[in-house]
Amino acid sequence: MLRIPLDTDPPALIADIADVHLSADLGRVGTGTERMVLLGGYRTALETFGATLPPGALHIAEEHGSAFHSPLQRHITEFLAPTLDAMTFEDPRIPVHSCMERKQLTTGEEIRDLFRRNPTDPVSVPHMIGGLEDAGTQLGLVLGPAAFGTFQNADFPVVHVETPDHVFEAMTAVYDFGVDLPPVEPAAPSSEAVAG
């Protein structure tokens, strides 16, 4: 993790650094003059890069041994490729916004592409939040473990759902904020007989 001036282009910062990759742009932090980025790469390359910065500027997590959202995860993409190719991805019935670029995903193929690129390409919280704001989002739900503080800059309320206990809080927030939920289409009857 590294804090950089808000106007610094994250990819340009590490463009000439071998084996160090931008994993995530978490967006504005603190007083709004800085942004937080996550870097991925080989530990020795990260340590070498960190030595060029002020002491303590780059935090390298001891507990993580993977370079998430970086080319070092290409083996995961290759492993998942046959499964993703065999799966049917339907066009989303509710809006899905990309975490890689500021856009709404409207086709099943765009969803498949997101799954293909997720292990190896950097993600951007500002792109995702911006797309959600563009769409007039009323409430955001962050599902699973996340650097939740980075979602606090959104123009809409955000609820973190990390455990089953949080589901009740999320449903309460939907009611409290008066969120209009889209109608649910009834499921098609199954052709399989159910034994009673």
N, C-alpha and C. Protein backbone atom coordinates (compact mmCIF):
# COMPACT_ATOMS: atom_id res chain seq x y z
N MET A 1 0.84 -1.17 0.00
CA MET A 1 0.00 0.00 0.00
C MET A 1 0.89 1.23 0.00
N LEU A 2 0.44 2.23 -0.77
CA LEU A 2 1.25 3.44 -0.90
C LEU A 2 0.32 4.63 -1.09
N ARG A 3 0.57 5.68 -0.33
CA ARG A 3 -0.14 6.95 -0.53
C ARG A 3 0.69 7.79 -1.48
N ILE A 4 0.01 8.35 -2.50
CA ILE A 4 0.68 9.21 -3.46
C ILE A 4 -0.15 10.48 -3.64
N PRO A 5 0.45 11.57 -4.12
CA PRO A 5 -0.35 12.77 -4.37
C PRO A 5 -1.51 12.46 -5.31
N LEU A 6 -2.64 13.10 -5.07
CA LEU A 6 -3.86 12.83 -5.82
C LEU A 6 -3.67 13.01 -7.32
N ASP A 7 -2.84 13.97 -7.72
CA ASP A 7 -2.67 14.24 -9.15
C ASP A 7 -1.60 13.37 -9.81
N THR A 8 -1.01 12.44 -9.07
CA THR A 8 -0.02 11.52 -9.64
C THR A 8 -0.73 10.42 -10.42
N ASP A 9 -0.25 10.13 -11.61
CA ASP A 9 -0.79 9.04 -12.42
C ASP A 9 -0.20 7.73 -11.90
N PRO A 10 -1.00 6.86 -11.27
CA PRO A 10 -0.44 5.64 -10.67
C PRO A 10 0.37 4.77 -11.63
N PRO A 11 -0.11 4.46 -12.85
CA PRO A 11 0.72 3.63 -13.74
C PRO A 11 2.05 4.30 -14.10
N ALA A 12 2.05 5.61 -14.26
CA ALA A 12 3.29 6.31 -14.62
C ALA A 12 4.31 6.24 -13.49
N LEU A 13 3.83 6.19 -12.25
CA LEU A 13 4.72 6.15 -11.09
C LEU A 13 5.64 4.93 -11.12
N ILE A 14 5.12 3.82 -11.62
CA ILE A 14 5.89 2.57 -11.59
C ILE A 14 6.21 2.05 -12.99
N ALA A 15 6.02 2.87 -14.00
CA ALA A 15 6.19 2.44 -15.39
C ALA A 15 7.56 1.83 -15.66
N ASP A 16 8.60 2.34 -15.05
CA ASP A 16 9.96 1.86 -15.31
C ASP A 16 10.50 0.95 -14.22
N ILE A 17 9.64 0.48 -13.33
CA ILE A 17 10.07 -0.37 -12.22
C ILE A 17 9.76 -1.82 -12.59
N ALA A 18 10.80 -2.61 -12.77
CA ALA A 18 10.61 -4.02 -13.15
C ALA A 18 9.94 -4.81 -12.02
N ASP A 19 9.02 -5.67 -12.39
CA ASP A 19 8.36 -6.61 -11.49
C ASP A 19 7.53 -5.94 -10.39
N VAL A 20 7.13 -4.68 -10.59
CA VAL A 20 6.19 -4.00 -9.70
C VAL A 20 5.02 -3.55 -10.56
N HIS A 21 3.80 -3.86 -10.13
CA HIS A 21 2.61 -3.60 -10.92
C HIS A 21 1.56 -2.88 -10.09
N LEU A 22 0.79 -2.02 -10.73
CA LEU A 22 -0.36 -1.41 -10.07
C LEU A 22 -1.44 -2.48 -9.96
N SER A 23 -1.90 -2.75 -8.74
CA SER A 23 -2.97 -3.72 -8.51
C SER A 23 -4.32 -3.04 -8.34
N ALA A 24 -4.32 -1.92 -7.62
CA ALA A 24 -5.59 -1.24 -7.36
C ALA A 24 -5.36 0.23 -7.07
N ASP A 25 -6.24 1.04 -7.62
CA ASP A 25 -6.32 2.45 -7.26
C ASP A 25 -7.52 2.56 -6.32
N LEU A 26 -7.25 2.80 -5.05
CA LEU A 26 -8.32 2.86 -4.06
C LEU A 26 -8.93 4.26 -3.96
N GLY A 27 -8.33 5.22 -4.63
CA GLY A 27 -8.91 6.56 -4.67
C GLY A 27 -8.44 7.46 -3.55
N ARG A 28 -9.17 8.56 -3.42
CA ARG A 28 -8.85 9.63 -2.47
C ARG A 28 -8.89 9.14 -1.03
N VAL A 29 -7.91 9.56 -0.24
CA VAL A 29 -7.88 9.22 1.18
C VAL A 29 -7.50 10.47 1.97
N GLY A 30 -7.67 10.35 3.29
CA GLY A 30 -7.25 11.44 4.18
C GLY A 30 -7.98 12.73 3.89
N THR A 31 -7.21 13.81 3.75
CA THR A 31 -7.80 15.14 3.54
C THR A 31 -8.19 15.37 2.09
N GLY A 32 -7.97 14.39 1.23
CA GLY A 32 -8.35 14.51 -0.17
C GLY A 32 -7.22 14.94 -1.09
N THR A 33 -6.03 15.12 -0.55
CA THR A 33 -4.89 15.52 -1.38
C THR A 33 -4.05 14.32 -1.80
N GLU A 34 -4.40 13.14 -1.28
CA GLU A 34 -3.65 11.93 -1.61
C GLU A 34 -4.60 10.84 -2.08
N ARG A 35 -4.04 9.85 -2.78
CA ARG A 35 -4.77 8.66 -3.14
C ARG A 35 -3.98 7.46 -2.61
N MET A 36 -4.69 6.37 -2.38
CA MET A 36 -4.07 5.13 -1.94
C MET A 36 -4.04 4.16 -3.11
N VAL A 37 -2.88 3.56 -3.34
CA VAL A 37 -2.77 2.54 -4.38
C VAL A 37 -2.21 1.27 -3.76
N LEU A 38 -2.58 0.15 -4.34
CA LEU A 38 -2.01 -1.13 -3.96
C LEU A 38 -1.09 -1.56 -5.09
N LEU A 39 0.08 -1.99 -4.72
CA LEU A 39 1.05 -2.47 -5.70
C LEU A 39 1.21 -3.96 -5.53
N GLY A 40 1.46 -4.65 -6.62
CA GLY A 40 1.74 -6.08 -6.58
C GLY A 40 3.06 -6.32 -7.26
N GLY A 41 3.68 -7.41 -6.90
CA GLY A 41 4.95 -7.75 -7.53
C GLY A 41 5.73 -8.70 -6.66
N TYR A 42 6.92 -9.01 -7.12
CA TYR A 42 7.80 -9.85 -6.31
C TYR A 42 8.27 -9.04 -5.11
N ARG A 43 8.32 -9.69 -3.97
CA ARG A 43 8.66 -9.01 -2.71
C ARG A 43 9.98 -8.25 -2.83
N THR A 44 10.99 -8.85 -3.44
CA THR A 44 12.29 -8.16 -3.55
C THR A 44 12.17 -6.90 -4.41
N ALA A 45 11.38 -6.96 -5.47
CA ALA A 45 11.19 -5.78 -6.32
C ALA A 45 10.44 -4.69 -5.56
N LEU A 46 9.43 -5.08 -4.79
CA LEU A 46 8.69 -4.10 -3.98
C LEU A 46 9.60 -3.47 -2.93
N GLU A 47 10.42 -4.30 -2.29
CA GLU A 47 11.34 -3.77 -1.28
C GLU A 47 12.36 -2.82 -1.89
N THR A 48 12.86 -3.16 -3.08
CA THR A 48 13.82 -2.28 -3.77
C THR A 48 13.15 -0.95 -4.12
N PHE A 49 11.92 -1.01 -4.64
CA PHE A 49 11.19 0.22 -4.94
C PHE A 49 10.92 1.01 -3.67
N GLY A 50 10.51 0.33 -2.61
CA GLY A 50 10.22 0.99 -1.34
C GLY A 50 11.43 1.72 -0.78
N ALA A 51 12.63 1.20 -1.05
CA ALA A 51 13.85 1.85 -0.56
C ALA A 51 14.10 3.19 -1.23
N THR A 52 13.46 3.45 -2.37
CA THR A 52 13.62 4.75 -3.05
C THR A 52 12.65 5.79 -2.51
N LEU A 53 11.75 5.38 -1.63
CA LEU A 53 10.72 6.27 -1.08
C LEU A 53 11.08 6.66 0.35
N PRO A 54 10.41 7.67 0.90
CA PRO A 54 10.64 7.99 2.31
C PRO A 54 10.37 6.76 3.18
N PRO A 55 11.11 6.62 4.28
CA PRO A 55 10.92 5.45 5.15
C PRO A 55 9.46 5.28 5.57
N GLY A 56 8.97 4.05 5.44
CA GLY A 56 7.61 3.73 5.84
C GLY A 56 6.54 4.11 4.84
N ALA A 57 6.90 4.71 3.72
CA ALA A 57 5.89 5.15 2.74
C ALA A 57 5.18 3.97 2.10
N LEU A 58 5.92 2.91 1.80
CA LEU A 58 5.35 1.73 1.16
C LEU A 58 5.20 0.64 2.21
N HIS A 59 3.96 0.20 2.40
CA HIS A 59 3.70 -0.89 3.34
C HIS A 59 3.57 -2.18 2.54
N ILE A 60 4.42 -3.14 2.85
CA ILE A 60 4.37 -4.45 2.19
C ILE A 60 3.80 -5.44 3.20
N ALA A 61 2.62 -5.96 2.91
CA ALA A 61 1.94 -6.86 3.85
C ALA A 61 2.69 -8.18 3.95
N GLU A 62 3.00 -8.56 5.15
CA GLU A 62 3.70 -9.83 5.39
C GLU A 62 2.79 -11.03 5.16
N GLU A 63 1.49 -10.84 5.40
CA GLU A 63 0.57 -11.98 5.34
C GLU A 63 0.12 -12.34 3.94
N HIS A 64 0.41 -11.49 2.96
CA HIS A 64 -0.01 -11.79 1.60
C HIS A 64 1.18 -12.23 0.76
N GLY A 65 1.02 -13.36 0.10
CA GLY A 65 2.08 -13.85 -0.75
C GLY A 65 1.74 -13.77 -2.22
N SER A 66 0.62 -13.15 -2.54
CA SER A 66 0.18 -13.08 -3.93
C SER A 66 0.13 -11.64 -4.40
N ALA A 67 0.27 -11.48 -5.68
CA ALA A 67 0.18 -10.15 -6.30
C ALA A 67 -1.16 -10.07 -7.01
N PHE A 68 -2.21 -9.80 -6.25
CA PHE A 68 -3.55 -9.75 -6.80
C PHE A 68 -3.65 -8.69 -7.89
N HIS A 69 -4.50 -8.94 -8.87
CA HIS A 69 -4.75 -8.00 -9.97
C HIS A 69 -3.45 -7.56 -10.65
N SER A 70 -2.59 -8.51 -10.93
CA SER A 70 -1.33 -8.19 -11.62
C SER A 70 -0.98 -9.32 -12.59
N PRO A 71 -0.09 -9.03 -13.54
CA PRO A 71 0.31 -10.08 -14.50
C PRO A 71 0.90 -11.32 -13.83
N LEU A 72 1.32 -11.21 -12.59
CA LEU A 72 1.87 -12.38 -11.89
C LEU A 72 0.79 -13.42 -11.60
N GLN A 73 -0.47 -13.06 -11.80
CA GLN A 73 -1.57 -14.00 -11.60
C GLN A 73 -2.05 -14.63 -12.91
N ARG A 74 -1.25 -14.52 -13.96
CA ARG A 74 -1.65 -15.05 -15.27
C ARG A 74 -2.00 -16.55 -15.19
N HIS A 75 -1.32 -17.29 -14.33
CA HIS A 75 -1.61 -18.72 -14.20
C HIS A 75 -3.05 -18.96 -13.75
N ILE A 76 -3.61 -18.05 -12.96
CA ILE A 76 -5.00 -18.19 -12.54
C ILE A 76 -5.92 -17.97 -13.74
N THR A 77 -5.63 -16.95 -14.53
CA THR A 77 -6.42 -16.69 -15.73
C THR A 77 -6.39 -17.90 -16.65
N GLU A 78 -5.22 -18.48 -16.84
CA GLU A 78 -5.09 -19.66 -17.71
C GLU A 78 -5.85 -20.85 -17.14
N PHE A 79 -5.80 -21.02 -15.81
CA PHE A 79 -6.50 -22.12 -15.17
C PHE A 79 -8.02 -21.96 -15.31
N LEU A 80 -8.50 -20.73 -15.15
CA LEU A 80 -9.94 -20.47 -15.21
C LEU A 80 -10.51 -20.43 -16.63
N ALA A 81 -9.65 -20.21 -17.62
CA ALA A 81 -10.12 -19.99 -18.99
C ALA A 81 -11.08 -21.08 -19.48
N PRO A 82 -10.77 -22.37 -19.37
CA PRO A 82 -11.71 -23.38 -19.88
C PRO A 82 -13.06 -23.33 -19.16
N THR A 83 -13.05 -23.08 -17.87
CA THR A 83 -14.30 -22.99 -17.12
C THR A 83 -15.11 -21.79 -17.56
N LEU A 84 -14.46 -20.63 -17.67
CA LEU A 84 -15.17 -19.42 -18.10
C LEU A 84 -15.70 -19.57 -19.52
N ASP A 85 -14.92 -20.22 -20.38
CA ASP A 85 -15.36 -20.43 -21.77
C ASP A 85 -16.58 -21.35 -21.84
N ALA A 86 -16.65 -22.31 -20.92
CA ALA A 86 -17.75 -23.28 -20.93
C ALA A 86 -19.02 -22.73 -20.27
N MET A 87 -18.89 -21.70 -19.48
CA MET A 87 -20.04 -21.14 -18.76
C MET A 87 -20.89 -20.25 -19.66
N THR A 88 -22.18 -20.21 -19.35
CA THR A 88 -23.08 -19.29 -20.02
C THR A 88 -23.22 -18.06 -19.14
N PHE A 89 -22.89 -16.91 -19.69
CA PHE A 89 -23.06 -15.64 -18.98
C PHE A 89 -24.24 -14.91 -19.61
N GLU A 90 -25.29 -14.72 -18.84
CA GLU A 90 -26.48 -14.03 -19.33
C GLU A 90 -26.26 -12.52 -19.24
N ASP A 91 -26.99 -11.78 -20.06
CA ASP A 91 -26.98 -10.33 -19.92
C ASP A 91 -27.56 -9.98 -18.55
N PRO A 92 -26.92 -9.08 -17.82
CA PRO A 92 -27.42 -8.76 -16.47
C PRO A 92 -28.81 -8.12 -16.51
N ARG A 93 -29.65 -8.51 -15.54
CA ARG A 93 -30.99 -7.92 -15.43
C ARG A 93 -30.97 -6.67 -14.56
N ILE A 94 -29.96 -6.55 -13.71
CA ILE A 94 -29.78 -5.34 -12.92
C ILE A 94 -28.44 -4.74 -13.32
N PRO A 95 -28.25 -3.45 -13.15
CA PRO A 95 -27.00 -2.82 -13.58
C PRO A 95 -25.77 -3.40 -12.87
N VAL A 96 -24.75 -3.68 -13.65
CA VAL A 96 -23.45 -4.14 -13.14
C VAL A 96 -22.42 -3.14 -13.64
N HIS A 97 -21.63 -2.61 -12.71
CA HIS A 97 -20.62 -1.62 -13.10
C HIS A 97 -19.22 -2.20 -12.93
N SER A 98 -18.37 -1.89 -13.86
CA SER A 98 -17.01 -2.41 -13.89
C SER A 98 -16.16 -1.79 -12.79
N CYS A 99 -15.22 -2.57 -12.30
CA CYS A 99 -14.22 -2.07 -11.36
C CYS A 99 -12.91 -1.81 -12.10
N MET A 100 -12.92 -1.94 -13.41
CA MET A 100 -11.70 -1.75 -14.20
C MET A 100 -11.75 -0.50 -15.07
N GLU A 101 -12.94 -0.13 -15.49
CA GLU A 101 -13.10 1.12 -16.23
C GLU A 101 -14.47 1.68 -15.84
N ARG A 102 -14.66 2.94 -16.09
CA ARG A 102 -15.90 3.60 -15.67
C ARG A 102 -16.98 3.32 -16.71
N LYS A 103 -17.65 2.17 -16.54
CA LYS A 103 -18.72 1.85 -17.48
C LYS A 103 -19.63 0.78 -16.90
N GLN A 104 -20.85 0.77 -17.42
CA GLN A 104 -21.82 -0.25 -17.06
C GLN A 104 -21.65 -1.43 -18.00
N LEU A 105 -21.68 -2.63 -17.44
CA LEU A 105 -21.58 -3.84 -18.23
C LEU A 105 -23.01 -4.29 -18.57
N THR A 106 -23.29 -4.44 -19.85
CA THR A 106 -24.67 -4.72 -20.26
C THR A 106 -24.86 -6.08 -20.92
N THR A 107 -23.77 -6.77 -21.21
CA THR A 107 -23.90 -8.07 -21.88
C THR A 107 -23.20 -9.16 -21.07
N GLY A 108 -23.63 -10.38 -21.32
CA GLY A 108 -22.98 -11.52 -20.69
C GLY A 108 -21.51 -11.61 -21.06
N GLU A 109 -21.19 -11.26 -22.30
CA GLU A 109 -19.78 -11.31 -22.73
C GLU A 109 -18.93 -10.29 -21.98
N GLU A 110 -19.50 -9.12 -21.66
CA GLU A 110 -18.75 -8.15 -20.87
C GLU A 110 -18.50 -8.66 -19.46
N ILE A 111 -19.47 -9.39 -18.90
CA ILE A 111 -19.29 -9.99 -17.57
C ILE A 111 -18.20 -11.06 -17.64
N ARG A 112 -18.23 -11.90 -18.66
CA ARG A 112 -17.21 -12.93 -18.84
C ARG A 112 -15.82 -12.27 -18.93
N ASP A 113 -15.72 -11.20 -19.71
CA ASP A 113 -14.45 -10.49 -19.88
C ASP A 113 -13.95 -9.94 -18.54
N LEU A 114 -14.86 -9.44 -17.71
CA LEU A 114 -14.48 -8.95 -16.39
C LEU A 114 -13.86 -10.08 -15.56
N PHE A 115 -14.47 -11.26 -15.59
CA PHE A 115 -13.92 -12.40 -14.86
C PHE A 115 -12.57 -12.82 -15.43
N ARG A 116 -12.41 -12.74 -16.74
CA ARG A 116 -11.13 -13.12 -17.36
C ARG A 116 -10.01 -12.17 -16.92
N ARG A 117 -10.31 -10.88 -16.90
CA ARG A 117 -9.27 -9.88 -16.63
C ARG A 117 -9.03 -9.63 -15.15
N ASN A 118 -9.99 -9.96 -14.29
CA ASN A 118 -9.88 -9.63 -12.88
C ASN A 118 -8.59 -10.11 -12.21
N PRO A 119 -8.12 -11.32 -12.46
CA PRO A 119 -6.88 -11.73 -11.78
C PRO A 119 -5.64 -10.94 -12.19
N THR A 120 -5.60 -10.45 -13.43
CA THR A 120 -4.34 -9.88 -13.95
C THR A 120 -4.36 -8.38 -14.18
N ASP A 121 -5.51 -7.75 -14.19
CA ASP A 121 -5.59 -6.32 -14.50
C ASP A 121 -5.91 -5.52 -13.25
N PRO A 122 -5.39 -4.30 -13.16
CA PRO A 122 -5.66 -3.48 -11.97
C PRO A 122 -7.13 -3.06 -11.90
N VAL A 123 -7.60 -2.91 -10.67
CA VAL A 123 -8.97 -2.44 -10.44
C VAL A 123 -8.91 -1.00 -9.95
N SER A 124 -10.04 -0.31 -10.07
CA SER A 124 -10.11 1.09 -9.69
C SER A 124 -11.41 1.37 -8.95
N VAL A 125 -11.30 1.68 -7.67
CA VAL A 125 -12.48 2.06 -6.90
C VAL A 125 -13.07 3.36 -7.45
N PRO A 126 -12.26 4.38 -7.81
CA PRO A 126 -12.86 5.59 -8.39
C PRO A 126 -13.66 5.32 -9.67
N HIS A 127 -13.18 4.43 -10.54
CA HIS A 127 -13.94 4.10 -11.75
C HIS A 127 -15.28 3.46 -11.38
N MET A 128 -15.25 2.53 -10.44
CA MET A 128 -16.46 1.83 -10.06
C MET A 128 -17.45 2.80 -9.40
N ILE A 129 -16.98 3.58 -8.43
CA ILE A 129 -17.87 4.52 -7.76
C ILE A 129 -18.40 5.56 -8.74
N GLY A 130 -17.53 6.06 -9.63
CA GLY A 130 -17.97 7.03 -10.62
C GLY A 130 -19.07 6.50 -11.50
N GLY A 131 -18.93 5.25 -11.95
CA GLY A 131 -19.97 4.64 -12.77
C GLY A 131 -21.27 4.49 -12.01
N LEU A 132 -21.17 4.11 -10.74
CA LEU A 132 -22.38 3.97 -9.92
C LEU A 132 -23.04 5.32 -9.69
N GLU A 133 -22.22 6.36 -9.46
CA GLU A 133 -22.78 7.71 -9.30
C GLU A 133 -23.46 8.17 -10.58
N ASP A 134 -22.81 7.90 -11.73
CA ASP A 134 -23.40 8.27 -13.03
C ASP A 134 -24.78 7.64 -13.20
N ALA A 135 -24.95 6.44 -12.65
CA ALA A 135 -26.21 5.70 -12.80
C ALA A 135 -27.26 6.10 -11.77
N GLY A 136 -26.91 7.01 -10.85
CA GLY A 136 -27.88 7.43 -9.84
C GLY A 136 -28.08 6.43 -8.73
N THR A 137 -27.04 5.70 -8.38
CA THR A 137 -27.13 4.68 -7.33
C THR A 137 -27.63 5.29 -6.03
N GLN A 138 -28.56 4.59 -5.37
CA GLN A 138 -29.13 5.05 -4.11
C GLN A 138 -28.42 4.47 -2.90
N LEU A 139 -27.87 3.27 -3.03
CA LEU A 139 -27.23 2.58 -1.91
C LEU A 139 -26.25 1.58 -2.48
N GLY A 140 -25.05 1.53 -1.92
CA GLY A 140 -24.05 0.56 -2.34
C GLY A 140 -23.87 -0.51 -1.28
N LEU A 141 -23.73 -1.75 -1.71
CA LEU A 141 -23.41 -2.85 -0.82
C LEU A 141 -22.05 -3.39 -1.23
N VAL A 142 -21.10 -3.37 -0.31
CA VAL A 142 -19.78 -3.94 -0.55
C VAL A 142 -19.80 -5.34 0.03
N LEU A 143 -19.71 -6.35 -0.83
CA LEU A 143 -19.82 -7.74 -0.41
C LEU A 143 -18.45 -8.35 -0.23
N GLY A 144 -18.21 -8.92 0.95
CA GLY A 144 -16.95 -9.60 1.21
C GLY A 144 -15.88 -8.69 1.74
N PRO A 145 -14.71 -9.27 2.00
CA PRO A 145 -13.60 -8.47 2.55
C PRO A 145 -13.20 -7.36 1.59
N ALA A 146 -12.96 -6.18 2.12
CA ALA A 146 -12.58 -5.05 1.28
C ALA A 146 -11.96 -3.97 2.15
N ALA A 147 -11.17 -3.12 1.52
CA ALA A 147 -10.66 -1.91 2.18
C ALA A 147 -11.82 -0.93 2.20
N PHE A 148 -12.73 -1.13 3.14
CA PHE A 148 -14.03 -0.47 3.11
C PHE A 148 -13.94 1.05 3.14
N GLY A 149 -12.95 1.61 3.81
CA GLY A 149 -12.84 3.06 3.92
C GLY A 149 -12.77 3.76 2.58
N THR A 150 -12.29 3.07 1.56
CA THR A 150 -12.17 3.69 0.24
C THR A 150 -13.52 3.94 -0.41
N PHE A 151 -14.57 3.34 0.11
CA PHE A 151 -15.91 3.54 -0.44
C PHE A 151 -16.63 4.72 0.21
N GLN A 152 -16.01 5.31 1.22
CA GLN A 152 -16.65 6.40 1.95
C GLN A 152 -16.71 7.70 1.15
N ASN A 153 -16.00 7.79 0.03
CA ASN A 153 -16.04 9.00 -0.80
C ASN A 153 -17.19 8.99 -1.79
N ALA A 154 -18.01 7.98 -1.76
CA ALA A 154 -19.14 7.89 -2.70
C ALA A 154 -20.21 8.92 -2.33
N ASP A 155 -20.97 9.34 -3.34
CA ASP A 155 -22.07 10.28 -3.13
C ASP A 155 -23.33 9.58 -2.63
N PHE A 156 -23.26 8.30 -2.39
CA PHE A 156 -24.40 7.53 -1.92
C PHE A 156 -23.96 6.72 -0.70
N PRO A 157 -24.90 6.35 0.19
CA PRO A 157 -24.51 5.55 1.36
C PRO A 157 -24.03 4.16 0.94
N VAL A 158 -23.10 3.62 1.73
CA VAL A 158 -22.51 2.32 1.44
C VAL A 158 -22.55 1.47 2.71
N VAL A 159 -22.99 0.23 2.57
CA VAL A 159 -23.03 -0.72 3.68
C VAL A 159 -22.10 -1.88 3.36
N HIS A 160 -21.27 -2.25 4.33
CA HIS A 160 -20.32 -3.35 4.15
C HIS A 160 -20.95 -4.65 4.65
N VAL A 161 -21.02 -5.64 3.78
CA VAL A 161 -21.59 -6.95 4.12
C VAL A 161 -20.46 -7.97 4.03
N GLU A 162 -19.88 -8.29 5.19
CA GLU A 162 -18.75 -9.21 5.22
C GLU A 162 -19.09 -10.53 5.90
N THR A 163 -20.11 -10.52 6.75
CA THR A 163 -20.52 -11.74 7.45
C THR A 163 -22.04 -11.91 7.31
N PRO A 164 -22.55 -13.11 7.58
CA PRO A 164 -24.01 -13.30 7.51
C PRO A 164 -24.78 -12.33 8.41
N ASP A 165 -24.18 -11.92 9.54
CA ASP A 165 -24.84 -10.98 10.43
C ASP A 165 -25.08 -9.63 9.76
N HIS A 166 -24.26 -9.28 8.79
CA HIS A 166 -24.39 -7.98 8.12
C HIS A 166 -25.54 -7.95 7.12
N VAL A 167 -26.07 -9.11 6.73
CA VAL A 167 -27.16 -9.14 5.75
C VAL A 167 -28.38 -8.39 6.29
N PHE A 168 -28.68 -8.59 7.57
CA PHE A 168 -29.81 -7.89 8.18
C PHE A 168 -29.59 -6.38 8.12
N GLU A 169 -28.37 -5.93 8.43
CA GLU A 169 -28.06 -4.50 8.36
C GLU A 169 -28.24 -3.98 6.94
N ALA A 170 -27.85 -4.76 5.96
CA ALA A 170 -27.99 -4.34 4.56
C ALA A 170 -29.46 -4.20 4.19
N MET A 171 -30.28 -5.18 4.57
CA MET A 171 -31.71 -5.11 4.25
C MET A 171 -32.37 -3.94 4.98
N THR A 172 -31.95 -3.69 6.21
CA THR A 172 -32.46 -2.54 6.96
C THR A 172 -32.09 -1.25 6.25
N ALA A 173 -30.87 -1.16 5.73
CA ALA A 173 -30.43 0.04 5.01
C ALA A 173 -31.26 0.25 3.75
N VAL A 174 -31.59 -0.82 3.05
CA VAL A 174 -32.44 -0.70 1.85
C VAL A 174 -33.76 -0.03 2.23
N TYR A 175 -34.34 -0.45 3.34
CA TYR A 175 -35.61 0.13 3.81
C TYR A 175 -35.39 1.56 4.30
N ASP A 176 -34.38 1.76 5.16
CA ASP A 176 -34.13 3.09 5.75
C ASP A 176 -33.87 4.17 4.71
N PHE A 177 -33.17 3.82 3.63
CA PHE A 177 -32.84 4.80 2.61
C PHE A 177 -33.90 4.87 1.50
N GLY A 178 -34.99 4.10 1.65
CA GLY A 178 -36.08 4.17 0.69
C GLY A 178 -35.68 3.75 -0.71
N VAL A 179 -34.83 2.74 -0.80
CA VAL A 179 -34.35 2.28 -2.10
C VAL A 179 -35.45 1.50 -2.81
N ASP A 180 -35.73 1.90 -4.04
CA ASP A 180 -36.71 1.18 -4.86
C ASP A 180 -36.02 -0.01 -5.51
N LEU A 181 -36.46 -1.20 -5.16
CA LEU A 181 -35.88 -2.41 -5.74
C LEU A 181 -36.60 -2.76 -7.03
N PRO A 182 -35.85 -3.26 -8.02
CA PRO A 182 -36.50 -3.66 -9.27
C PRO A 182 -37.40 -4.87 -9.03
N PRO A 183 -38.46 -5.00 -9.83
CA PRO A 183 -39.32 -6.17 -9.66
C PRO A 183 -38.55 -7.45 -9.96
N VAL A 184 -38.93 -8.49 -9.26
CA VAL A 184 -38.29 -9.79 -9.44
C VAL A 184 -39.16 -10.62 -10.37
N GLU A 185 -38.54 -11.14 -11.42
CA GLU A 185 -39.28 -12.01 -12.33
C GLU A 185 -39.44 -13.37 -11.69
N PRO A 186 -40.64 -13.96 -11.78
CA PRO A 186 -40.81 -15.30 -11.20
C PRO A 186 -39.91 -16.30 -11.91
N ALA A 187 -39.39 -17.23 -11.14
CA ALA A 187 -38.53 -18.27 -11.72
C ALA A 187 -39.37 -19.19 -12.58
N ALA A 188 -38.79 -19.64 -13.67
CA ALA A 188 -39.48 -20.59 -14.54
C ALA A 188 -39.63 -21.91 -13.80
N PRO A 189 -40.79 -22.56 -13.93
CA PRO A 189 -40.97 -23.85 -13.25
C PRO A 189 -39.93 -24.86 -13.73
N SER A 190 -39.45 -25.64 -12.81
CA SER A 190 -38.46 -26.66 -13.14
C SER A 190 -39.15 -27.85 -13.78
N SER A 191 -38.47 -28.47 -14.73
CA SER A 191 -39.03 -29.66 -15.38
C SER A 191 -38.74 -30.92 -14.57
N GLU A 192 -37.96 -30.76 -13.51
CA GLU A 192 -37.64 -31.92 -12.69
C GLU A 192 -38.74 -32.16 -11.66
N ALA A 193 -39.11 -33.40 -11.48
CA ALA A 193 -40.11 -33.75 -10.48
C ALA A 193 -39.46 -33.73 -9.10
N VAL A 194 -40.23 -33.26 -8.14
CA VAL A 194 -39.73 -33.21 -6.77
C VAL A 194 -40.44 -34.30 -5.98
N ALA A 195 -39.67 -35.17 -5.36
CA ALA A 195 -40.25 -36.25 -4.56
C ALA A 195 -40.60 -35.70 -3.19
N GLY A 196 -41.74 -36.08 -2.66
CA GLY A 196 -42.15 -35.54 -1.38
C GLY A 196 -42.19 -36.60 -0.41
